[in-house]
Structures are given as structure tokens and as C-alpha cells.
N, C-alpha and C. Protein backbone atom coordinates (compact mmCIF):
# COMPACT_ATOMS: atom_id res chain seq x y z
N UNK A 1 137.72 -24.23 79.47
CA UNK A 1 139.55 -24.14 79.73
C UNK A 1 139.16 -25.75 79.80
N UNK A 2 138.19 -25.80 79.36
CA UNK A 2 138.00 -28.55 79.60
C UNK A 2 138.34 -28.52 77.25
N UNK A 3 137.77 -27.11 76.99
CA UNK A 3 139.00 -27.85 76.28
C UNK A 3 139.43 -27.34 75.37
N UNK A 4 140.11 -26.04 75.97
CA UNK A 4 142.13 -26.15 75.97
C UNK A 4 142.59 -26.95 76.51
N UNK A 5 142.16 -27.85 77.55
CA UNK A 5 143.37 -28.98 78.27
C UNK A 5 142.91 -30.08 77.53
N UNK A 6 141.46 -30.26 77.01
CA UNK A 6 141.43 -31.67 75.79
C UNK A 6 142.52 -30.96 74.46
N UNK A 7 142.16 -30.17 73.81
CA UNK A 7 142.74 -30.13 72.91
C UNK A 7 144.39 -30.17 73.20
N UNK A 8 145.07 -30.16 74.10
CA UNK A 8 146.39 -30.35 74.40
C UNK A 8 146.57 -31.19 75.04
N UNK A 9 145.37 -32.46 75.01
CA UNK A 9 145.78 -33.53 75.23
C UNK A 9 145.88 -33.48 76.84
N UNK A 10 145.44 -33.17 77.44
CA UNK A 10 145.64 -33.01 79.37
C UNK A 10 144.30 -33.73 79.95
N UNK A 11 143.82 -34.05 80.72
CA UNK A 11 142.91 -35.06 81.86
C UNK A 11 141.77 -34.22 82.33
N UNK A 12 140.63 -34.34 82.03
CA UNK A 12 140.04 -33.31 83.00
C UNK A 12 139.45 -33.71 83.36
N UNK A 13 139.14 -33.80 85.04
CA UNK A 13 138.24 -33.89 86.13
C UNK A 13 137.58 -33.05 86.43
N UNK A 14 135.98 -33.03 86.67
CA UNK A 14 135.40 -32.57 86.82
C UNK A 14 134.42 -32.29 88.00
N UNK A 15 133.99 -32.29 88.91
CA UNK A 15 133.02 -32.72 90.59
C UNK A 15 132.80 -32.44 90.82
N UNK A 16 131.73 -32.19 92.16
CA UNK A 16 130.52 -31.61 91.76
C UNK A 16 131.01 -30.60 93.45
N UNK A 17 130.80 -29.45 93.93
CA UNK A 17 130.70 -29.17 95.22
C UNK A 17 130.32 -29.44 96.33
N UNK A 18 130.73 -29.80 97.23
CA UNK A 18 130.24 -30.12 98.59
C UNK A 18 129.12 -29.70 99.06
N UNK A 19 127.97 -29.39 99.47
CA UNK A 19 127.14 -28.43 99.94
C UNK A 19 127.66 -27.22 101.42
N UNK A 20 127.15 -26.32 101.58
CA UNK A 20 127.89 -25.45 102.86
C UNK A 20 126.88 -24.71 103.19
N UNK A 21 126.50 -24.44 104.53
CA UNK A 21 125.48 -23.76 104.93
C UNK A 21 126.59 -22.17 104.87
N UNK A 22 127.77 -21.93 105.62
CA UNK A 22 127.95 -21.40 105.64
C UNK A 22 129.27 -20.96 106.29
N UNK A 23 130.57 -20.57 105.82
CA UNK A 23 132.21 -20.48 105.89
C UNK A 23 131.98 -19.74 107.20
N UNK A 24 132.69 -20.31 108.25
CA UNK A 24 132.77 -19.22 109.39
C UNK A 24 134.06 -18.84 109.04
N UNK A 25 134.75 -18.22 107.86
CA UNK A 25 136.02 -17.84 108.11
C UNK A 25 135.40 -16.47 107.53
N UNK A 26 134.42 -16.30 106.56
CA UNK A 26 133.66 -15.97 106.16
C UNK A 26 132.22 -15.85 106.08
N UNK A 27 132.12 -14.96 107.78
CA UNK A 27 130.23 -15.38 107.10
C UNK A 27 129.71 -14.28 106.31
N UNK A 28 128.10 -14.57 106.28
CA UNK A 28 127.82 -14.05 105.70
C UNK A 28 127.55 -14.58 103.71
N UNK A 29 128.06 -15.00 103.76
CA UNK A 29 128.34 -15.22 101.79
C UNK A 29 127.10 -16.06 101.53
N UNK A 30 125.70 -17.62 102.62
CA UNK A 30 125.62 -18.25 102.38
C UNK A 30 125.41 -18.14 100.79
N UNK A 31 126.45 -19.56 100.90
CA UNK A 31 127.11 -20.02 99.61
C UNK A 31 126.31 -21.19 99.44
N UNK A 32 124.82 -22.09 99.67
CA UNK A 32 124.61 -22.73 99.90
C UNK A 32 123.55 -23.19 98.48
N UNK A 33 123.00 -21.62 98.32
CA UNK A 33 122.07 -21.37 96.48
C UNK A 33 123.47 -21.44 95.66
N UNK A 34 124.06 -20.74 96.22
CA UNK A 34 125.53 -20.98 95.07
C UNK A 34 125.54 -22.12 94.14
N UNK A 35 125.90 -22.60 95.60
CA UNK A 35 126.66 -23.98 95.24
C UNK A 35 125.84 -25.25 94.90
N UNK A 36 124.62 -25.16 95.12
CA UNK A 36 123.63 -25.39 94.05
C UNK A 36 123.90 -24.82 92.93
N UNK A 37 123.23 -23.74 93.05
CA UNK A 37 123.47 -23.26 91.16
C UNK A 37 124.65 -23.92 90.56
N UNK A 38 126.23 -23.62 90.94
CA UNK A 38 127.22 -24.09 90.17
C UNK A 38 127.18 -25.17 89.75
N UNK A 39 126.87 -26.76 90.92
CA UNK A 39 126.75 -28.09 90.38
C UNK A 39 125.58 -28.26 88.67
N UNK A 40 124.57 -27.57 89.08
CA UNK A 40 123.49 -27.59 88.20
C UNK A 40 124.03 -27.55 86.39
N UNK A 41 125.35 -25.74 86.88
CA UNK A 41 126.13 -26.31 85.54
C UNK A 41 127.03 -26.60 85.05
N UNK A 42 127.54 -27.41 86.15
CA UNK A 42 128.67 -28.38 85.41
C UNK A 42 127.68 -30.04 86.30
N UNK A 43 126.75 -29.42 85.66
CA UNK A 43 125.61 -30.75 85.36
C UNK A 43 125.89 -30.79 84.39
N UNK A 44 125.07 -29.88 84.16
CA UNK A 44 124.39 -29.29 82.69
C UNK A 44 125.43 -29.53 81.57
N UNK A 45 127.01 -29.09 81.99
CA UNK A 45 127.80 -28.89 80.20
C UNK A 45 128.38 -30.66 81.05
N UNK A 46 128.93 -30.99 81.49
CA UNK A 46 128.70 -32.56 80.81
C UNK A 46 128.28 -33.17 80.66
N UNK A 47 126.90 -33.35 81.18
CA UNK A 47 125.74 -34.30 80.48
C UNK A 47 125.81 -33.37 78.95
N UNK A 48 126.41 -31.79 78.13
CA UNK A 48 125.96 -31.38 77.36
C UNK A 48 126.68 -32.61 75.71
N UNK A 49 128.13 -32.29 77.01
CA UNK A 49 129.09 -32.89 76.25
C UNK A 49 129.19 -34.65 76.21
N UNK A 50 128.26 -34.92 76.76
CA UNK A 50 127.97 -36.49 76.68
C UNK A 50 129.64 -37.17 77.15
N UNK A 51 129.53 -36.33 78.34
CA UNK A 51 130.65 -37.27 79.22
C UNK A 51 130.50 -38.79 79.91
N UNK A 52 131.04 -39.64 79.60
CA UNK A 52 130.73 -40.78 80.26
C UNK A 52 130.64 -40.30 81.53
N UNK A 53 132.01 -40.12 81.75
CA UNK A 53 132.48 -40.31 83.48
C UNK A 53 131.48 -39.02 84.37
N UNK A 54 131.39 -38.35 83.74
CA UNK A 54 130.53 -37.35 84.38
C UNK A 54 129.33 -37.22 84.46
N UNK A 55 128.85 -38.44 83.69
CA UNK A 55 127.05 -38.76 83.34
C UNK A 55 127.49 -40.16 84.82
N UNK A 56 128.06 -41.19 84.97
CA UNK A 56 128.25 -41.42 85.61
C UNK A 56 127.99 -40.65 87.18
N UNK A 57 129.08 -40.13 87.48
CA UNK A 57 129.49 -39.02 88.43
C UNK A 57 127.94 -38.43 89.15
N UNK A 58 126.52 -37.96 88.36
CA UNK A 58 126.07 -37.43 88.64
C UNK A 58 124.21 -37.96 88.70
N UNK A 59 125.26 -39.49 88.91
CA UNK A 59 123.54 -40.38 87.76
C UNK A 59 122.31 -40.66 89.26
N UNK A 60 123.02 -40.32 90.06
CA UNK A 60 122.11 -40.15 91.81
C UNK A 60 121.70 -38.98 92.13
N UNK A 61 121.83 -38.13 90.73
CA UNK A 61 121.28 -36.45 91.76
C UNK A 61 121.27 -35.88 90.59
């Protein structure tokens, strides 16, 4: 999706997902490990693209 947006001159902002132990509106999902994996995927994607802003966002983590 980001490539499609960039191809159409749409600015893309990617960010990490805040950690959560559980969601009170849907208990039992156990999102913590999934969020860690998702954030790692977002970081890897940014680093692969050598995106300067993403590099700054993930610099300390």
C-alpha cells in the first residue's frame, strides 16, 4: 500500500503500535506478542526502504 500511495504522490506515515497486554472489549486475544512482531515488521520494512523518517522513529528501540 505504501508503494501505491507513493506512486500517486500521497505521503505515507508509518508508526509503531502501542503495546497492550489485553483488550477489555475483547479479552483473550493476547495481543502483546503479536504487537511486538508487527512493530518488528514495520521497522524492517522501513529499514529495507532506507526511509530516513522511519530510521529516526526506530532509532532508540
